[in-house]
Amino acid sequence: MKEVSKLSQNKKKYETKFGEIEIADSEIITFENGIPGFEYLKKFYIYFSKETFPIQWLLSLENPEISFPVIDPLLVRVDYAFELSKDIVEYLSIEKPEDVKIFTIMTIPHGDPDNITVNLKAPLVISKVNNKGIQIILENEKYHLKHNVKEEIKRSDEILKKQAPEKERGA
């Protein structure tokens, strides 16, 4: 029954950086306050691209020129963690951790993959319950606006090696 209702949803066509995409209203993420620097844009969509996986794209549905490469921060920094304030939990109607998706915005310099950075200071928190999104600024001093992705992955590998017993690592 759920699938039938999903199929019957009206979809609208949106012009995006990746061309024209059909998107159901239920797939639209609303950033009521916009994203810092783009406060005038409220409607976004997370676009999954096989060509750029695990990088996904936060596409503006109001300006096809605006898109942000985003990634699950745990793929970059295995120990990434923070707490949400009670106000944000209520705003996003979150009851359990599975009710949210967390992304971080990346900066990908053209032709310079060694210097891709990720913003761990200001994650995007998106509710699966009400499709609202918010970009928060963390007070935690260990997170900055630009973390080199290669260095963070190397750091995460070291953490995982220390945690896994020798035989579980295939050694």
Foldseek 3Di string as FASTA:
>chain_A
DVVVVVVPAAWDWAQALVGIDTDGPLQWAFACQAAVVPRVFGTWGWADDPVDPVWIKTIGRVDRVDIFTKHQCCQQAVPQDDDDDPVVCVVLVPDDPVQKGKIWTWDDPPPCLQAIWTQSQWIWIAGNVRSYIYTDGDPDPVTGGTDGRVVSNVVRVVVVVVVDPPVVVVD
